[in-house]
Amino acid sequence: MRNVILATIILLVSAATALAIPKGRTLTFTGATGTVHFDGTLHNRHAKGCRQCHNPAVFPQMKQGSVTITMAAINNGKLCGICHNGKAAFAPAGNCARCHHK
């Protein structure tokens, strides 16, 4: 029984790790304001751990395309704006080209 529990824990941890954007990977989002590249290497370097973003309080769904990311939400301190607030990471205001590429 203990082996089954241990195997289940290992499987769950492995699945959570597989969902993260690891170093060397990039997600690309394309919209009306240009293309945004989410750099896994850069974000892994600056995050305080996976759970900083990988939790329902930040992103209710951790699958690309399942959450609508808007600048209004970011500017109101939600989603990316939890860190991109001018303290933990650069603020979005006046920094459009740091994320958005035409």
PDB file of N, CA and C in Angstrom:
ATOM      1  N   MET A   1       0.833  -1.199   0.000  1.00  0.00           N
ATOM      2  CA  MET A   1       0.000   0.000   0.000  1.00  0.00           C
ATOM      3  C   MET A   1       0.877   1.262   0.000  1.00  0.00           C
ATOM      4  N   ARG A   2       1.947   1.222   0.779  1.00  0.00           N
ATOM      5  CA  ARG A   2       2.829   2.384   0.863  1.00  0.00           C
ATOM      6  C   ARG A   2       3.472   2.673  -0.498  1.00  0.00           C
ATOM      7  N   ASN A   3       3.813   1.627  -1.240  1.00  0.00           N
ATOM      8  CA  ASN A   3       4.392   1.799  -2.572  1.00  0.00           C
ATOM      9  C   ASN A   3       3.405   2.437  -3.546  1.00  0.00           C
ATOM     10  N   VAL A   4       2.129   2.087  -3.420  1.00  0.00           N
ATOM     11  CA  VAL A   4       1.099   2.667  -4.283  1.00  0.00           C
ATOM     12  C   VAL A   4       0.966   4.163  -3.987  1.00  0.00           C
ATOM     13  N   ILE A   5       0.970   4.530  -2.729  1.00  0.00           N
ATOM     14  CA  ILE A   5       0.879   5.940  -2.340  1.00  0.00           C
ATOM     15  C   ILE A   5       2.097   6.701  -2.842  1.00  0.00           C
ATOM     16  N   LEU A   6       3.270   6.139  -2.666  1.00  0.00           N
ATOM     17  CA  LEU A   6       4.502   6.774  -3.124  1.00  0.00           C
ATOM     18  C   LEU A   6       4.496   6.945  -4.645  1.00  0.00           C
ATOM     19  N   ALA A   7       4.073   5.926  -5.359  1.00  0.00           N
ATOM     20  CA  ALA A   7       4.012   5.997  -6.821  1.00  0.00           C
ATOM     21  C   ALA A   7       3.015   7.069  -7.268  1.00  0.00           C
ATOM     22  N   THR A   8       1.896   7.181  -6.576  1.00  0.00           N
ATOM     23  CA  THR A   8       0.892   8.200  -6.893  1.00  0.00           C
ATOM     24  C   THR A   8       1.451   9.599  -6.685  1.00  0.00           C
ATOM     25  N   ILE A   9       2.156   9.821  -5.588  1.00  0.00           N
ATOM     26  CA  ILE A   9       2.765  11.126  -5.304  1.00  0.00           C
ATOM     27  C   ILE A   9       3.787  11.475  -6.379  1.00  0.00           C
ATOM     28  N   ILE A  10       4.622  10.527  -6.742  1.00  0.00           N
ATOM     29  CA  ILE A  10       5.631  10.766  -7.779  1.00  0.00           C
ATOM     30  C   ILE A  10       4.952  11.104  -9.107  1.00  0.00           C
ATOM     31  N   LEU A  11       3.893  10.410  -9.458  1.00  0.00           N
ATOM     32  CA  LEU A  11       3.168  10.670 -10.698  1.00  0.00           C
ATOM     33  C   LEU A  11       2.570  12.077 -10.700  1.00  0.00           C
ATOM     34  N   LEU A  12       1.977  12.485  -9.586  1.00  0.00           N
ATOM     35  CA  LEU A  12       1.373  13.815  -9.499  1.00  0.00           C
ATOM     36  C   LEU A  12       2.425  14.915  -9.596  1.00  0.00           C
ATOM     37  N   VAL A  13       3.545  14.744  -8.928  1.00  0.00           N
ATOM     38  CA  VAL A  13       4.617  15.740  -8.989  1.00  0.00           C
ATOM     39  C   VAL A  13       5.180  15.813 -10.399  1.00  0.00           C
ATOM     40  N   SER A  14       5.358  14.678 -11.041  1.00  0.00           N
ATOM     41  CA  SER A  14       5.867  14.653 -12.415  1.00  0.00           C
ATOM     42  C   SER A  14       4.904  15.333 -13.373  1.00  0.00           C
ATOM     43  N   ALA A  15       3.626  15.108 -13.203  1.00  0.00           N
ATOM     44  CA  ALA A  15       2.625  15.731 -14.078  1.00  0.00           C
ATOM     45  C   ALA A  15       2.626  17.234 -13.901  1.00  0.00           C
ATOM     46  N   ALA A  16       2.738  17.724 -12.678  1.00  0.00           N
ATOM     47  CA  ALA A  16       2.772  19.168 -12.426  1.00  0.00           C
ATOM     48  C   ALA A  16       4.012  19.783 -13.049  1.00  0.00           C
ATOM     49  N   THR A  17       5.139  19.105 -12.957  1.00  0.00           N
ATOM     50  CA  THR A  17       6.370  19.617 -13.549  1.00  0.00           C
ATOM     51  C   THR A  17       6.274  19.655 -15.067  1.00  0.00           C
ATOM     52  N   ALA A  18       5.628  18.695 -15.655  1.00  0.00           N
ATOM     53  CA  ALA A  18       5.501  18.650 -17.112  1.00  0.00           C
ATOM     54  C   ALA A  18       4.670  19.798 -17.651  1.00  0.00           C
ATOM     55  N   LEU A  19       3.767  20.355 -16.848  1.00  0.00           N
ATOM     56  CA  LEU A  19       2.928  21.453 -17.287  1.00  0.00           C
ATOM     57  C   LEU A  19       3.645  22.793 -17.253  1.00  0.00           C
ATOM     58  N   ALA A  20       4.722  22.896 -16.493  1.00  0.00           N
ATOM     59  CA  ALA A  20       5.452  24.151 -16.378  1.00  0.00           C
ATOM     60  C   ALA A  20       6.207  24.445 -17.669  1.00  0.00           C
ATOM     61  N   ILE A  21       6.518  25.722 -17.886  1.00  0.00           N
ATOM     62  CA  ILE A  21       7.336  26.109 -19.040  1.00  0.00           C
ATOM     63  C   ILE A  21       8.778  26.093 -18.564  1.00  0.00           C
ATOM     64  N   PRO A  22       9.529  25.081 -18.928  1.00  0.00           N
ATOM     65  CA  PRO A  22      10.892  24.942 -18.410  1.00  0.00           C
ATOM     66  C   PRO A  22      11.875  25.877 -19.096  1.00  0.00           C
ATOM     67  N   LYS A  23      13.062  25.916 -18.532  1.00  0.00           N
ATOM     68  CA  LYS A  23      14.154  26.659 -19.152  1.00  0.00           C
ATOM     69  C   LYS A  23      14.339  26.135 -20.567  1.00  0.00           C
ATOM     70  N   GLY A  24      14.576  27.056 -21.499  1.00  0.00           N
ATOM     71  CA  GLY A  24      14.786  26.659 -22.880  1.00  0.00           C
ATOM     72  C   GLY A  24      13.520  26.574 -23.715  1.00  0.00           C
ATOM     73  N   ARG A  25      12.349  26.713 -23.086  1.00  0.00           N
ATOM     74  CA  ARG A  25      11.082  26.673 -23.829  1.00  0.00           C
ATOM     75  C   ARG A  25      10.453  28.052 -23.837  1.00  0.00           C
ATOM     76  N   THR A  26       9.687  28.328 -24.865  1.00  0.00           N
ATOM     77  CA  THR A  26       8.995  29.608 -24.993  1.00  0.00           C
ATOM     78  C   THR A  26       7.574  29.347 -25.466  1.00  0.00           C
ATOM     79  N   LEU A  27       6.618  30.032 -24.844  1.00  0.00           N
ATOM     80  CA  LEU A  27       5.248  30.014 -25.329  1.00  0.00           C
ATOM     81  C   LEU A  27       5.045  31.281 -26.146  1.00  0.00           C
ATOM     82  N   THR A  28       4.303  31.193 -27.220  1.00  0.00           N
ATOM     83  CA  THR A  28       4.031  32.353 -28.054  1.00  0.00           C
ATOM     84  C   THR A  28       2.536  32.604 -28.089  1.00  0.00           C
ATOM     85  N   PHE A  29       2.175  33.849 -27.813  1.00  0.00           N
ATOM     86  CA  PHE A  29       0.787  34.290 -27.851  1.00  0.00           C
ATOM     87  C   PHE A  29       0.685  35.364 -28.923  1.00  0.00           C
ATOM     88  N   THR A  30      -0.295  35.242 -29.819  1.00  0.00           N
ATOM     89  CA  THR A  30      -0.462  36.218 -30.877  1.00  0.00           C
ATOM     90  C   THR A  30      -1.828  36.862 -30.752  1.00  0.00           C
ATOM     91  N   GLY A  31      -1.841  38.193 -30.818  1.00  0.00           N
ATOM     92  CA  GLY A  31      -3.096  38.930 -30.707  1.00  0.00           C
ATOM     93  C   GLY A  31      -3.021  40.231 -31.464  1.00  0.00           C
ATOM     94  N   ALA A  32      -4.029  41.059 -31.281  1.00  0.00           N
ATOM     95  CA  ALA A  32      -4.128  42.336 -31.993  1.00  0.00           C
ATOM     96  C   ALA A  32      -2.987  43.285 -31.647  1.00  0.00           C
ATOM     97  N   THR A  33      -2.415  43.146 -30.459  1.00  0.00           N
ATOM     98  CA  THR A  33      -1.333  44.053 -30.030  1.00  0.00           C
ATOM     99  C   THR A  33       0.048  43.509 -30.347  1.00  0.00           C
ATOM    100  N   GLY A  34       0.105  42.437 -31.110  1.00  0.00           N
ATOM    101  CA  GLY A  34       1.383  41.863 -31.487  1.00  0.00           C
ATOM    102  C   GLY A  34       1.591  40.500 -30.871  1.00  0.00           C
ATOM    103  N   THR A  35       2.790  40.001 -31.012  1.00  0.00           N
ATOM    104  CA  THR A  35       3.141  38.686 -30.496  1.00  0.00           C
ATOM    105  C   THR A  35       3.873  38.842 -29.167  1.00  0.00           C
ATOM    106  N   VAL A  36       3.503  38.012 -28.206  1.00  0.00           N
ATOM    107  CA  VAL A  36       4.171  37.990 -26.909  1.00  0.00           C
ATOM    108  C   VAL A  36       4.839  36.627 -26.770  1.00  0.00           C
ATOM    109  N   HIS A  37       6.123  36.646 -26.445  1.00  0.00           N
ATOM    110  CA  HIS A  37       6.874  35.418 -26.214  1.00  0.00           C
ATOM    111  C   HIS A  37       7.106  35.281 -24.719  1.00  0.00           C
ATOM    112  N   PHE A  38       6.595  34.204 -24.128  1.00  0.00           N
ATOM    113  CA  PHE A  38       6.801  33.926 -22.712  1.00  0.00           C
ATOM    114  C   PHE A  38       8.030  33.033 -22.612  1.00  0.00           C
ATOM    115  N   ASP A  39       9.124  33.586 -22.157  1.00  0.00           N
ATOM    116  CA  ASP A  39      10.420  32.908 -22.095  1.00  0.00           C
ATOM    117  C   ASP A  39      10.549  32.132 -20.784  1.00  0.00           C
ATOM    118  N   GLY A  40      10.543  30.809 -20.882  1.00  0.00           N
ATOM    119  CA  GLY A  40      10.653  29.958 -19.699  1.00  0.00           C
ATOM    120  C   GLY A  40      11.958  30.160 -18.950  1.00  0.00           C
ATOM    121  N   THR A  41      13.063  30.363 -19.665  1.00  0.00           N
ATOM    122  CA  THR A  41      14.363  30.566 -19.022  1.00  0.00           C
ATOM    123  C   THR A  41      14.343  31.826 -18.174  1.00  0.00           C
ATOM    124  N   LEU A  42      13.879  32.912 -18.739  1.00  0.00           N
ATOM    125  CA  LEU A  42      13.830  34.193 -18.039  1.00  0.00           C
ATOM    126  C   LEU A  42      12.923  34.119 -16.816  1.00  0.00           C
ATOM    127  N   HIS A  43      11.743  33.566 -16.965  1.00  0.00           N
ATOM    128  CA  HIS A  43      10.796  33.515 -15.853  1.00  0.00           C
ATOM    129  C   HIS A  43      11.238  32.531 -14.774  1.00  0.00           C
ATOM    130  N   ASN A  44      11.852  31.432 -15.157  1.00  0.00           N
ATOM    131  CA  ASN A  44      12.367  30.496 -14.149  1.00  0.00           C
ATOM    132  C   ASN A  44      13.502  31.121 -13.350  1.00  0.00           C
ATOM    133  N   ARG A  45      14.287  31.969 -13.969  1.00  0.00           N
ATOM    134  CA  ARG A  45      15.407  32.625 -13.302  1.00  0.00           C
ATOM    135  C   ARG A  45      14.915  33.597 -12.226  1.00  0.00           C
ATOM    136  N   HIS A  46      13.783  34.259 -12.465  1.00  0.00           N
ATOM    137  CA  HIS A  46      13.323  35.309 -11.567  1.00  0.00           C
ATOM    138  C   HIS A  46      12.229  34.881 -10.598  1.00  0.00           C
ATOM    139  N   ALA A  47      11.548  33.794 -10.881  1.00  0.00           N
ATOM    140  CA  ALA A  47      10.455  33.350 -10.009  1.00  0.00           C
ATOM    141  C   ALA A  47      11.001  32.783  -8.707  1.00  0.00           C
ATOM    142  N   LYS A  48      10.184  32.855  -7.688  1.00  0.00           N
ATOM    143  CA  LYS A  48      10.561  32.303  -6.382  1.00  0.00           C
ATOM    144  C   LYS A  48      10.179  30.835  -6.268  1.00  0.00           C
ATOM    145  N   GLY A  49       9.741  30.260  -7.346  1.00  0.00           N
ATOM    146  CA  GLY A  49       9.343  28.857  -7.372  1.00  0.00           C
ATOM    147  C   GLY A  49       8.157  28.674  -8.305  1.00  0.00           C
ATOM    148  N   CYS A  50       7.899  27.451  -8.660  1.00  0.00           N
ATOM    149  CA  CYS A  50       6.835  27.134  -9.620  1.00  0.00           C
ATOM    150  C   CYS A  50       5.468  27.626  -9.154  1.00  0.00           C
ATOM    151  N   ARG A  51       5.198  27.453  -7.864  1.00  0.00           N
ATOM    152  CA  ARG A  51       3.878  27.791  -7.323  1.00  0.00           C
ATOM    153  C   ARG A  51       3.605  29.289  -7.303  1.00  0.00           C
ATOM    154  N   GLN A  52       4.613  30.093  -7.565  1.00  0.00           N
ATOM    155  CA  GLN A  52       4.382  31.535  -7.630  1.00  0.00           C
ATOM    156  C   GLN A  52       3.361  31.840  -8.733  1.00  0.00           C
ATOM    157  N   CYS A  53       3.438  31.141  -9.836  1.00  0.00           N
ATOM    158  CA  CYS A  53       2.478  31.315 -10.934  1.00  0.00           C
ATOM    159  C   CYS A  53       1.528  30.139 -11.063  1.00  0.00           C
ATOM    160  N   HIS A  54       2.042  28.953 -10.807  1.00  0.00           N
ATOM    161  CA  HIS A  54       1.255  27.738 -10.991  1.00  0.00           C
ATOM    162  C   HIS A  54       0.365  27.481  -9.789  1.00  0.00           C
ATOM    163  N   ASN A  55      -0.636  28.341  -9.639  1.00  0.00           N
ATOM    164  CA  ASN A  55      -1.649  28.145  -8.609  1.00  0.00           C
ATOM    165  C   ASN A  55      -2.935  28.828  -9.079  1.00  0.00           C
ATOM    166  N   PRO A  56      -4.087  28.347  -8.631  1.00  0.00           N
ATOM    167  CA  PRO A  56      -5.370  28.866  -9.123  1.00  0.00           C
ATOM    168  C   PRO A  56      -5.613  30.344  -8.808  1.00  0.00           C
ATOM    169  N   ALA A  57      -4.936  30.902  -7.819  1.00  0.00           N
ATOM    170  CA  ALA A  57      -5.121  32.320  -7.501  1.00  0.00           C
ATOM    171  C   ALA A  57      -4.516  33.207  -8.590  1.00  0.00           C
ATOM    172  N   VAL A  58      -3.501  32.717  -9.289  1.00  0.00           N
ATOM    173  CA  VAL A  58      -2.846  33.496 -10.338  1.00  0.00           C
ATOM    174  C   VAL A  58      -3.449  33.146 -11.694  1.00  0.00           C
ATOM    175  N   PHE A  59      -3.378  31.891 -12.062  1.00  0.00           N
ATOM    176  CA  PHE A  59      -3.928  31.411 -13.326  1.00  0.00           C
ATOM    177  C   PHE A  59      -4.863  30.247 -13.021  1.00  0.00           C
ATOM    178  N   PRO A  60      -6.176  30.451 -13.129  1.00  0.00           N
ATOM    179  CA  PRO A  60      -7.129  29.381 -12.820  1.00  0.00           C
ATOM    180  C   PRO A  60      -6.905  28.127 -13.659  1.00  0.00           C
ATOM    181  N   GLN A  61      -6.466  28.279 -14.883  1.00  0.00           N
ATOM    182  CA  GLN A  61      -6.152  27.159 -15.766  1.00  0.00           C
ATOM    183  C   GLN A  61      -4.711  27.330 -16.229  1.00  0.00           C
ATOM    184  N   MET A  62      -3.939  26.296 -16.220  1.00  0.00           N
ATOM    185  CA  MET A  62      -2.541  26.381 -16.642  1.00  0.00           C
ATOM    186  C   MET A  62      -2.338  25.711 -18.000  1.00  0.00           C
ATOM    187  N   LYS A  63      -3.243  25.999 -18.928  1.00  0.00           N
ATOM    188  CA  LYS A  63      -3.125  25.459 -20.280  1.00  0.00           C
ATOM    189  C   LYS A  63      -3.212  26.635 -21.243  1.00  0.00           C
ATOM    190  N   GLN A  64      -2.260  26.724 -22.173  1.00  0.00           N
ATOM    191  CA  GLN A  64      -2.238  27.837 -23.109  1.00  0.00           C
ATOM    192  C   GLN A  64      -3.570  27.960 -23.827  1.00  0.00           C
ATOM    193  N   GLY A  65      -4.117  29.180 -23.820  1.00  0.00           N
ATOM    194  CA  GLY A  65      -5.380  29.451 -24.484  1.00  0.00           C
ATOM    195  C   GLY A  65      -6.591  29.305 -23.595  1.00  0.00           C
ATOM    196  N   SER A  66      -6.421  28.808 -22.368  1.00  0.00           N
ATOM    197  CA  SER A  66      -7.572  28.598 -21.490  1.00  0.00           C
ATOM    198  C   SER A  66      -7.885  29.817 -20.630  1.00  0.00           C
ATOM    199  N   VAL A  67      -6.974  30.766 -20.545  1.00  0.00           N
ATOM    200  CA  VAL A  67      -7.182  31.989 -19.772  1.00  0.00           C
ATOM    201  C   VAL A  67      -7.020  33.167 -20.725  1.00  0.00           C
ATOM    202  N   THR A  68      -7.970  34.073 -20.705  1.00  0.00           N
ATOM    203  CA  THR A  68      -7.859  35.270 -21.531  1.00  0.00           C
ATOM    204  C   THR A  68      -7.031  36.293 -20.766  1.00  0.00           C
ATOM    205  N   ILE A  69      -5.870  36.595 -21.309  1.00  0.00           N
ATOM    206  CA  ILE A  69      -4.970  37.559 -20.676  1.00  0.00           C
ATOM    207  C   ILE A  69      -5.224  38.909 -21.329  1.00  0.00           C
ATOM    208  N   THR A  70      -5.605  39.893 -20.519  1.00  0.00           N
ATOM    209  CA  THR A  70      -5.850  41.238 -21.035  1.00  0.00           C
ATOM    210  C   THR A  70      -4.957  42.228 -20.302  1.00  0.00           C
ATOM    211  N   MET A  71      -4.684  43.333 -20.970  1.00  0.00           N
ATOM    212  CA  MET A  71      -3.894  44.374 -20.326  1.00  0.00           C
ATOM    213  C   MET A  71      -4.665  44.985 -19.162  1.00  0.00           C
ATOM    214  N   ALA A  72      -5.984  45.029 -19.248  1.00  0.00           N
ATOM    215  CA  ALA A  72      -6.786  45.550 -18.130  1.00  0.00           C
ATOM    216  C   ALA A  72      -6.553  44.703 -16.881  1.00  0.00           C
ATOM    217  N   ALA A  73      -6.564  43.387 -17.042  1.00  0.00           N
ATOM    218  CA  ALA A  73      -6.326  42.501 -15.903  1.00  0.00           C
ATOM    219  C   ALA A  73      -4.912  42.677 -15.367  1.00  0.00           C
ATOM    220  N   ILE A  74      -3.934  42.737 -16.256  1.00  0.00           N
ATOM    221  CA  ILE A  74      -2.543  42.904 -15.837  1.00  0.00           C
ATOM    222  C   ILE A  74      -2.371  44.231 -15.107  1.00  0.00           C
ATOM    223  N   ASN A  75      -2.933  45.308 -15.663  1.00  0.00           N
ATOM    224  CA  ASN A  75      -2.826  46.621 -15.024  1.00  0.00           C
ATOM    225  C   ASN A  75      -3.545  46.685 -13.682  1.00  0.00           C
ATOM    226  N   ASN A  76      -4.528  45.799 -13.478  1.00  0.00           N
ATOM    227  CA  ASN A  76      -5.248  45.734 -12.199  1.00  0.00           C
ATOM    228  C   ASN A  76      -4.623  44.742 -11.229  1.00  0.00           C
ATOM    229  N   GLY A  77      -3.397  44.295 -11.527  1.00  0.00           N
ATOM    230  CA  GLY A  77      -2.680  43.419 -10.612  1.00  0.00           C
ATOM    231  C   GLY A  77      -3.100  41.967 -10.648  1.00  0.00           C
ATOM    232  N   LYS A  78      -3.707  41.550 -11.737  1.00  0.00           N
ATOM    233  CA  LYS A  78      -4.108  40.147 -11.883  1.00  0.00           C
ATOM    234  C   LYS A  78      -3.222  39.491 -12.935  1.00  0.00           C
ATOM    235  N   LEU A  79      -3.254  38.157 -12.979  1.00  0.00           N
ATOM    236  CA  LEU A  79      -2.490  37.370 -13.945  1.00  0.00           C
ATOM    237  C   LEU A  79      -1.026  37.800 -13.909  1.00  0.00           C
ATOM    238  N   CYS A  80      -0.450  38.203 -15.019  1.00  0.00           N
ATOM    239  CA  CYS A  80       0.960  38.613 -15.080  1.00  0.00           C
ATOM    240  C   CYS A  80       1.232  39.814 -14.180  1.00  0.00           C
ATOM    241  N   GLY A  81       0.206  40.638 -13.975  1.00  0.00           N
ATOM    242  CA  GLY A  81       0.340  41.854 -13.173  1.00  0.00           C
ATOM    243  C   GLY A  81       0.584  41.604 -11.695  1.00  0.00           C
ATOM    244  N   ILE A  82       0.440  40.375 -11.242  1.00  0.00           N
ATOM    245  CA  ILE A  82       0.762  40.056  -9.848  1.00  0.00           C
ATOM    246  C   ILE A  82       2.242  40.314  -9.602  1.00  0.00           C
ATOM    247  N   CYS A  83       3.079  39.960 -10.571  1.00  0.00           N
ATOM    248  CA  CYS A  83       4.522  40.230 -10.451  1.00  0.00           C
ATOM    249  C   CYS A  83       4.919  41.492 -11.213  1.00  0.00           C
ATOM    250  N   HIS A  84       4.322  41.689 -12.385  1.00  0.00           N
ATOM    251  CA  HIS A  84       4.678  42.858 -13.209  1.00  0.00           C
ATOM    252  C   HIS A  84       3.916  44.065 -12.683  1.00  0.00           C
ATOM    253  N   ASN A  85       4.399  44.546 -11.532  1.00  0.00           N
ATOM    254  CA  ASN A  85       3.754  45.637 -10.815  1.00  0.00           C
ATOM    255  C   ASN A  85       4.705  46.811 -10.562  1.00  0.00           C
ATOM    256  N   GLY A  86       5.899  46.749 -11.125  1.00  0.00           N
ATOM    257  CA  GLY A  86       6.885  47.804 -10.907  1.00  0.00           C
ATOM    258  C   GLY A  86       7.751  47.571  -9.689  1.00  0.00           C
ATOM    259  N   LYS A  87       7.457  46.535  -8.922  1.00  0.00           N
ATOM    260  CA  LYS A  87       8.249  46.198  -7.729  1.00  0.00           C
ATOM    261  C   LYS A  87       8.938  44.853  -7.928  1.00  0.00           C
ATOM    262  N   ALA A  88       8.151  43.807  -8.070  1.00  0.00           N
ATOM    263  CA  ALA A  88       8.726  42.474  -8.272  1.00  0.00           C
ATOM    264  C   ALA A  88       9.327  42.348  -9.674  1.00  0.00           C
ATOM    265  N   ALA A  89       8.673  42.941 -10.650  1.00  0.00           N
ATOM    266  CA  ALA A  89       9.138  42.939 -12.043  1.00  0.00           C
ATOM    267  C   ALA A  89       8.656  44.233 -12.688  1.00  0.00           C
ATOM    268  N   PHE A  90       9.191  44.548 -13.851  1.00  0.00           N
ATOM    269  CA  PHE A  90       8.849  45.820 -14.488  1.00  0.00           C
ATOM    270  C   PHE A  90       7.335  45.967 -14.657  1.00  0.00           C
ATOM    271  N   ALA A  91       6.864  47.197 -14.500  1.00  0.00           N
ATOM    272  CA  ALA A  91       5.449  47.503 -14.684  1.00  0.00           C
ATOM    273  C   ALA A  91       5.117  47.524 -16.172  1.00  0.00           C
ATOM    274  N   PRO A  92       3.890  47.176 -16.542  1.00  0.00           N
ATOM    275  CA  PRO A  92       3.531  47.174 -17.954  1.00  0.00           C
ATOM    276  C   PRO A  92       3.463  48.579 -18.563  1.00  0.00           C
ATOM    277  N   ALA A  93       3.086  49.578 -17.789  1.00  0.00           N
ATOM    278  CA  ALA A  93       2.922  50.945 -18.317  1.00  0.00           C
ATOM    279  C   ALA A  93       4.249  51.465 -18.862  1.00  0.00           C
ATOM    280  N   GLY A  94       4.240  51.836 -20.131  1.00  0.00           N
ATOM    281  CA  GLY A  94       5.427  52.380 -20.767  1.00  0.00           C
ATOM    282  C   GLY A  94       6.441  51.337 -21.208  1.00  0.00           C
ATOM    283  N   ASN A  95       6.124  50.072 -21.022  1.00  0.00           N
ATOM    284  CA  ASN A  95       7.050  48.989 -21.378  1.00  0.00           C
ATOM    285  C   ASN A  95       6.452  48.021 -22.384  1.00  0.00           C
ATOM    286  N   CYS A  96       5.565  48.498 -23.239  1.00  0.00           N
ATOM    287  CA  CYS A  96       4.844  47.619 -24.178  1.00  0.00           C
ATOM    288  C   CYS A  96       5.789  46.734 -24.987  1.00  0.00           C
ATOM    289  N   ALA A  97       6.850  47.348 -25.523  1.00  0.00           N
ATOM    290  CA  ALA A  97       7.755  46.622 -26.426  1.00  0.00           C
ATOM    291  C   ALA A  97       8.592  45.561 -25.721  1.00  0.00           C
ATOM    292  N   ARG A  98       8.591  45.553 -24.394  1.00  0.00           N
ATOM    293  CA  ARG A  98       9.333  44.498 -23.695  1.00  0.00           C
ATOM    294  C   ARG A  98       8.622  43.153 -23.825  1.00  0.00           C
ATOM    295  N   CYS A  99       7.313  43.193 -24.073  1.00  0.00           N
ATOM    296  CA  CYS A  99       6.545  41.956 -24.232  1.00  0.00           C
ATOM    297  C   CYS A  99       5.948  41.827 -25.632  1.00  0.00           C
ATOM    298  N   HIS A 100       5.398  42.920 -26.141  1.00  0.00           N
ATOM    299  CA  HIS A 100       4.683  42.897 -27.416  1.00  0.00           C
ATOM    300  C   HIS A 100       5.616  43.225 -28.567  1.00  0.00           C
ATOM    301  N   HIS A 101       5.626  42.346 -29.571  1.00  0.00           N
ATOM    302  CA  HIS A 101       6.477  42.514 -30.744  1.00  0.00           C
ATOM    303  C   HIS A 101       5.600  42.485 -31.991  1.00  0.00           C
ATOM    304  N   LYS A 102       5.703  43.513 -32.804  1.00  0.00           N
ATOM    305  CA  LYS A 102       4.905  43.599 -34.045  1.00  0.00           C
ATOM    306  C   LYS A 102       5.545  42.766 -35.126  1.00  0.00           C
TER     307      LYS A 102
END
